[in-house]
C-alpha atoms as a PDB file:
ATOM      1  CA  UNK A   1      35.168 -10.183  21.854  1.00  0.00           C
ATOM      2  CA  UNK A   2      35.782 -13.918  21.898  1.00  0.00           C
ATOM      3  CA  UNK A   3      35.080 -15.956  18.787  1.00  0.00           C
ATOM      4  CA  UNK A   4      33.196 -19.185  19.414  1.00  0.00           C
ATOM      5  CA  UNK A   5      32.593 -20.865  16.045  1.00  0.00           C
ATOM      6  CA  UNK A   6      33.770 -24.331  17.043  1.00  0.00           C
ATOM      7  CA  UNK A   7      37.357 -23.905  15.831  1.00  0.00           C
ATOM      8  CA  UNK A   8      40.123 -23.371  18.368  1.00  0.00           C
ATOM      9  CA  UNK A   9      42.008 -20.046  18.296  1.00  0.00           C
ATOM     10  CA  UNK A  10      45.343 -21.675  17.383  1.00  0.00           C
ATOM     11  CA  UNK A  11      43.697 -23.558  14.520  1.00  0.00           C
ATOM     12  CA  UNK A  12      41.964 -20.397  13.278  1.00  0.00           C
ATOM     13  CA  UNK A  13      45.333 -18.636  13.284  1.00  0.00           C
ATOM     14  CA  UNK A  14      47.037 -21.435  11.267  1.00  0.00           C
ATOM     15  CA  UNK A  15      44.205 -21.522   8.753  1.00  0.00           C
ATOM     16  CA  UNK A  16      44.177 -17.722   8.432  1.00  0.00           C
ATOM     17  CA  UNK A  17      47.927 -17.767   7.732  1.00  0.00           C
ATOM     18  CA  UNK A  18      47.423 -20.319   4.936  1.00  0.00           C
ATOM     19  CA  UNK A  19      44.489 -18.315   3.578  1.00  0.00           C
ATOM     20  CA  UNK A  20      46.603 -15.143   3.684  1.00  0.00           C
ATOM     21  CA  UNK A  21      49.118 -16.789   1.367  1.00  0.00           C
ATOM     22  CA  UNK A  22      46.251 -17.837  -0.921  1.00  0.00           C
ATOM     23  CA  UNK A  23      44.990 -14.256  -0.864  1.00  0.00           C
ATOM     24  CA  UNK A  24      48.446 -12.920  -1.733  1.00  0.00           C
ATOM     25  CA  UNK A  25      48.933 -15.424  -4.554  1.00  0.00           C
ATOM     26  CA  UNK A  26      45.437 -14.739  -5.890  1.00  0.00           C
ATOM     27  CA  UNK A  27      45.843 -10.964  -5.764  1.00  0.00           C
ATOM     28  CA  UNK A  28      49.247 -11.156  -7.419  1.00  0.00           C
ATOM     29  CA  UNK A  29      47.731 -13.336 -10.144  1.00  0.00           C
ATOM     30  CA  UNK A  30      44.912 -10.797 -10.482  1.00  0.00           C
ATOM     31  CA  UNK A  31      47.420  -7.990 -11.083  1.00  0.00           C
ATOM     32  CA  UNK A  32      49.424 -10.098 -13.534  1.00  0.00           C
ATOM     33  CA  UNK A  33      46.302 -11.075 -15.477  1.00  0.00           C
ATOM     34  CA  UNK A  34      45.043  -7.493 -15.563  1.00  0.00           C
ATOM     35  CA  UNK A  35      48.446  -6.334 -16.818  1.00  0.00           C
ATOM     36  CA  UNK A  36      48.325  -8.914 -19.601  1.00  0.00           C
ATOM     37  CA  UNK A  37      44.746  -7.896 -20.473  1.00  0.00           C
ATOM     38  CA  UNK A  38      45.899  -4.315 -20.961  1.00  0.00           C
ATOM     39  CA  UNK A  39      49.085  -5.136 -22.839  1.00  0.00           C
ATOM     40  CA  UNK A  40      48.479  -8.213 -24.988  1.00  0.00           C
ATOM     41  CA  UNK A  41      49.212  -7.794 -28.704  1.00  0.00           C
ATOM     42  CA  UNK A  42      49.347  -9.960 -31.791  1.00  0.00           C
ATOM     43  CA  UNK A  43      47.003 -12.142 -33.843  1.00  0.00           C
ATOM     44  CA  UNK A  44      45.324 -13.609 -30.728  1.00  0.00           C
ATOM     45  CA  UNK A  45      44.679 -10.146 -29.259  1.00  0.00           C
ATOM     46  CA  UNK A  46      40.878 -10.156 -29.162  1.00  0.00           C
ATOM     47  CA  UNK A  47      40.506 -13.702 -27.802  1.00  0.00           C
ATOM     48  CA  UNK A  48      43.206 -13.243 -25.157  1.00  0.00           C
ATOM     49  CA  UNK A  49      42.075  -9.739 -24.209  1.00  0.00           C
ATOM     50  CA  UNK A  50      38.563 -11.074 -23.529  1.00  0.00           C
ATOM     51  CA  UNK A  51      39.788 -14.248 -21.794  1.00  0.00           C
ATOM     52  CA  UNK A  52      42.104 -12.307 -19.503  1.00  0.00           C
ATOM     53  CA  UNK A  53      39.232  -9.969 -18.612  1.00  0.00           C
ATOM     54  CA  UNK A  54      37.057 -12.937 -17.626  1.00  0.00           C
ATOM     55  CA  UNK A  55      39.903 -14.315 -15.540  1.00  0.00           C
ATOM     56  CA  UNK A  56      40.751 -11.120 -13.653  1.00  0.00           C
ATOM     57  CA  UNK A  57      37.058 -10.441 -13.031  1.00  0.00           C
ATOM     58  CA  UNK A  58      36.690 -13.903 -11.460  1.00  0.00           C
ATOM     59  CA  UNK A  59      39.824 -13.291  -9.390  1.00  0.00           C
ATOM     60  CA  UNK A  60      38.477  -9.952  -8.122  1.00  0.00           C
ATOM     61  CA  UNK A  61      35.518 -11.773  -6.603  1.00  0.00           C
ATOM     62  CA  UNK A  62      37.755 -14.560  -5.273  1.00  0.00           C
ATOM     63  CA  UNK A  63      40.129 -12.270  -3.376  1.00  0.00           C
ATOM     64  CA  UNK A  64      37.166 -10.694  -1.619  1.00  0.00           C
ATOM     65  CA  UNK A  65      35.823 -14.101  -0.581  1.00  0.00           C
ATOM     66  CA  UNK A  66      39.228 -15.220   0.684  1.00  0.00           C
ATOM     67  CA  UNK A  67      39.755 -12.015   2.658  1.00  0.00           C
ATOM     68  CA  UNK A  68      36.288 -12.268   4.185  1.00  0.00           C
ATOM     69  CA  UNK A  69      36.985 -15.861   5.268  1.00  0.00           C
ATOM     70  CA  UNK A  70      40.181 -14.688   6.977  1.00  0.00           C
ATOM     71  CA  UNK A  71      38.161 -12.046   8.808  1.00  0.00           C
ATOM     72  CA  UNK A  72      35.478 -14.596   9.782  1.00  0.00           C
ATOM     73  CA  UNK A  73      38.259 -16.592  11.453  1.00  0.00           C
ATOM     74  CA  UNK A  74      39.171 -13.524  13.515  1.00  0.00           C
ATOM     75  CA  UNK A  75      42.366 -12.507  11.738  1.00  0.00           C
ATOM     76  CA  UNK A  76      43.130  -9.444   9.658  1.00  0.00           C
ATOM     77  CA  UNK A  77      43.581  -9.995   5.935  1.00  0.00           C
ATOM     78  CA  UNK A  78      46.781  -8.728   4.328  1.00  0.00           C
ATOM     79  CA  UNK A  79      45.973  -5.807   2.080  1.00  0.00           C
ATOM     80  CA  UNK A  80      49.112  -4.037   0.943  1.00  0.00           C
ATOM     81  CA  UNK A  81      51.362  -4.692  -2.026  1.00  0.00           C
ATOM     82  CA  UNK A  82      54.264  -5.117   0.394  1.00  0.00           C
ATOM     83  CA  UNK A  83      52.425  -7.888   2.250  1.00  0.00           C
ATOM     84  CA  UNK A  84      51.328  -9.559  -0.959  1.00  0.00           C
ATOM     85  CA  UNK A  85      54.862  -9.508  -2.381  1.00  0.00           C
ATOM     86  CA  UNK A  86      56.250 -10.979   0.856  1.00  0.00           C
ATOM     87  CA  UNK A  87      53.649 -13.773   0.976  1.00  0.00           C
ATOM     88  CA  UNK A  88      53.182 -14.614  -2.701  1.00  0.00           C
ATOM     89  CA  UNK A  89      55.018 -17.207  -4.782  1.00  0.00           C
ATOM     90  CA  UNK A  90      53.456 -16.003  -8.058  1.00  0.00           C
ATOM     91  CA  UNK A  91      56.114 -14.584 -10.378  1.00  0.00           C
ATOM     92  CA  UNK A  92      55.432 -11.041 -11.600  1.00  0.00           C
ATOM     93  CA  UNK A  93      57.949 -10.622 -14.392  1.00  0.00           C
ATOM     94  CA  UNK A  94      60.302  -7.727 -14.944  1.00  0.00           C
ATOM     95  CA  UNK A  95      58.051  -4.910 -16.090  1.00  0.00           C
ATOM     96  CA  UNK A  96      57.844  -5.068 -19.879  1.00  0.00           C
ATOM     97  CA  UNK A  97      54.944  -7.324 -20.910  1.00  0.00           C
ATOM     98  CA  UNK A  98      56.109 -10.367 -22.873  1.00  0.00           C
ATOM     99  CA  UNK A  99      54.687 -11.643 -26.168  1.00  0.00           C
ATOM    100  CA  UNK A 100      51.286 -13.354 -26.024  1.00  0.00           C
ATOM    101  CA  UNK A 101      52.535 -16.962 -25.903  1.00  0.00           C
ATOM    102  CA  UNK A 102      54.870 -16.146 -23.016  1.00  0.00           C
ATOM    103  CA  UNK A 103      51.958 -14.455 -21.238  1.00  0.00           C
ATOM    104  CA  UNK A 104      49.988 -17.684 -21.556  1.00  0.00           C
ATOM    105  CA  UNK A 105      52.909 -19.769 -20.256  1.00  0.00           C
ATOM    106  CA  UNK A 106      53.400 -17.393 -17.336  1.00  0.00           C
ATOM    107  CA  UNK A 107      49.719 -17.561 -16.453  1.00  0.00           C
ATOM    108  CA  UNK A 108      49.753 -21.369 -16.558  1.00  0.00           C
ATOM    109  CA  UNK A 109      52.613 -21.358 -14.037  1.00  0.00           C
ATOM    110  CA  UNK A 110      50.837 -18.793 -11.884  1.00  0.00           C
ATOM    111  CA  UNK A 111      47.554 -20.725 -11.827  1.00  0.00           C
ATOM    112  CA  UNK A 112      49.439 -23.894 -10.937  1.00  0.00           C
ATOM    113  CA  UNK A 113      51.152 -22.017  -8.092  1.00  0.00           C
ATOM    114  CA  UNK A 114      47.820 -20.830  -6.728  1.00  0.00           C
ATOM    115  CA  UNK A 115      46.451 -24.369  -7.034  1.00  0.00           C
ATOM    116  CA  UNK A 116      49.296 -25.705  -4.896  1.00  0.00           C
ATOM    117  CA  UNK A 117      48.764 -22.959  -2.320  1.00  0.00           C
ATOM    118  CA  UNK A 118      45.049 -23.774  -2.092  1.00  0.00           C
ATOM    119  CA  UNK A 119      45.842 -27.471  -1.760  1.00  0.00           C
ATOM    120  CA  UNK A 120      48.036 -26.752   1.301  1.00  0.00           C
ATOM    121  CA  UNK A 121      45.040 -25.285   3.149  1.00  0.00           C
ATOM    122  CA  UNK A 122      42.880 -28.395   2.981  1.00  0.00           C
ATOM    123  CA  UNK A 123      44.653 -30.721   5.456  1.00  0.00           C
ATOM    124  CA  UNK A 124      45.114 -27.920   8.012  1.00  0.00           C
ATOM    125  CA  UNK A 125      41.497 -26.763   7.768  1.00  0.00           C
ATOM    126  CA  UNK A 126      40.173 -30.333   7.638  1.00  0.00           C
ATOM    127  CA  UNK A 127      42.034 -31.342  10.785  1.00  0.00           C
ATOM    128  CA  UNK A 128      40.503 -28.336  12.585  1.00  0.00           C
ATOM    129  CA  UNK A 129      36.990 -29.182  11.377  1.00  0.00           C
ATOM    130  CA  UNK A 130      36.822 -25.986   9.309  1.00  0.00           C
ATOM    131  CA  UNK A 131      34.593 -27.169   6.480  1.00  0.00           C
ATOM    132  CA  UNK A 132      34.085 -23.610   5.194  1.00  0.00           C
ATOM    133  CA  UNK A 133      37.796 -23.105   4.563  1.00  0.00           C
ATOM    134  CA  UNK A 134      38.098 -26.603   3.070  1.00  0.00           C
ATOM    135  CA  UNK A 135      35.244 -25.765   0.719  1.00  0.00           C
ATOM    136  CA  UNK A 136      36.752 -22.408  -0.239  1.00  0.00           C
ATOM    137  CA  UNK A 137      40.163 -23.965  -0.929  1.00  0.00           C
ATOM    138  CA  UNK A 138      38.597 -26.800  -2.924  1.00  0.00           C
ATOM    139  CA  UNK A 139      36.615 -24.365  -5.056  1.00  0.00           C
ATOM    140  CA  UNK A 140      39.687 -22.218  -5.683  1.00  0.00           C
ATOM    141  CA  UNK A 141      41.726 -25.287  -6.671  1.00  0.00           C
ATOM    142  CA  UNK A 142      39.069 -26.338  -9.171  1.00  0.00           C
ATOM    143  CA  UNK A 143      38.985 -22.876 -10.773  1.00  0.00           C
ATOM    144  CA  UNK A 144      42.771 -22.633 -11.083  1.00  0.00           C
ATOM    145  CA  UNK A 145      43.210 -26.205 -12.329  1.00  0.00           C
ATOM    146  CA  UNK A 146      40.592 -25.614 -15.028  1.00  0.00           C
ATOM    147  CA  UNK A 147      42.041 -22.243 -16.010  1.00  0.00           C
ATOM    148  CA  UNK A 148      45.562 -23.690 -16.251  1.00  0.00           C
ATOM    149  CA  UNK A 149      44.235 -26.512 -18.455  1.00  0.00           C
ATOM    150  CA  UNK A 150      42.440 -24.031 -20.749  1.00  0.00           C
ATOM    151  CA  UNK A 151      45.557 -21.887 -21.044  1.00  0.00           C
ATOM    152  CA  UNK A 152      47.773 -24.933 -21.700  1.00  0.00           C
ATOM    153  CA  UNK A 153      45.365 -25.930 -24.479  1.00  0.00           C
ATOM    154  CA  UNK A 154      46.205 -22.689 -26.277  1.00  0.00           C
ATOM    155  CA  UNK A 155      49.848 -23.769 -26.413  1.00  0.00           C
ATOM    156  CA  UNK A 156      49.210 -27.127 -28.095  1.00  0.00           C
ATOM    157  CA  UNK A 157      49.634 -27.592 -31.823  1.00  0.00           C
END
């Protein structure tokens, strides 16, 4: 069935590709944050354990919204670890969870990565007149910028 939402097919495809990268980065960040929630130790355990839970819970909702936007544009959302690893620029680490301060630093970098990915969507979606994708990307940028700032604040003396 043809899709007639006022956005050309080629534009929908370009936007969906950008959103797929955002989905991959966001899901990879979700996994990283959940891993850190499970494995954090040290004197900041309780505060970080709870903060990481809030963050991965927010990300769980976000990945669903991003995937549903991709589907609304008529594309299929990536949904396998292989696809996410191919598309994502978020660094996963090497297996063994690091100490708490390194976790925080890694999450700052990851949130900044996702922010940059979201930012790349805006001009493409804006040029196509896709206000819904612009809005989604803008909201995701705001969340990741704020989260990165809060995490960076934990590293200051």
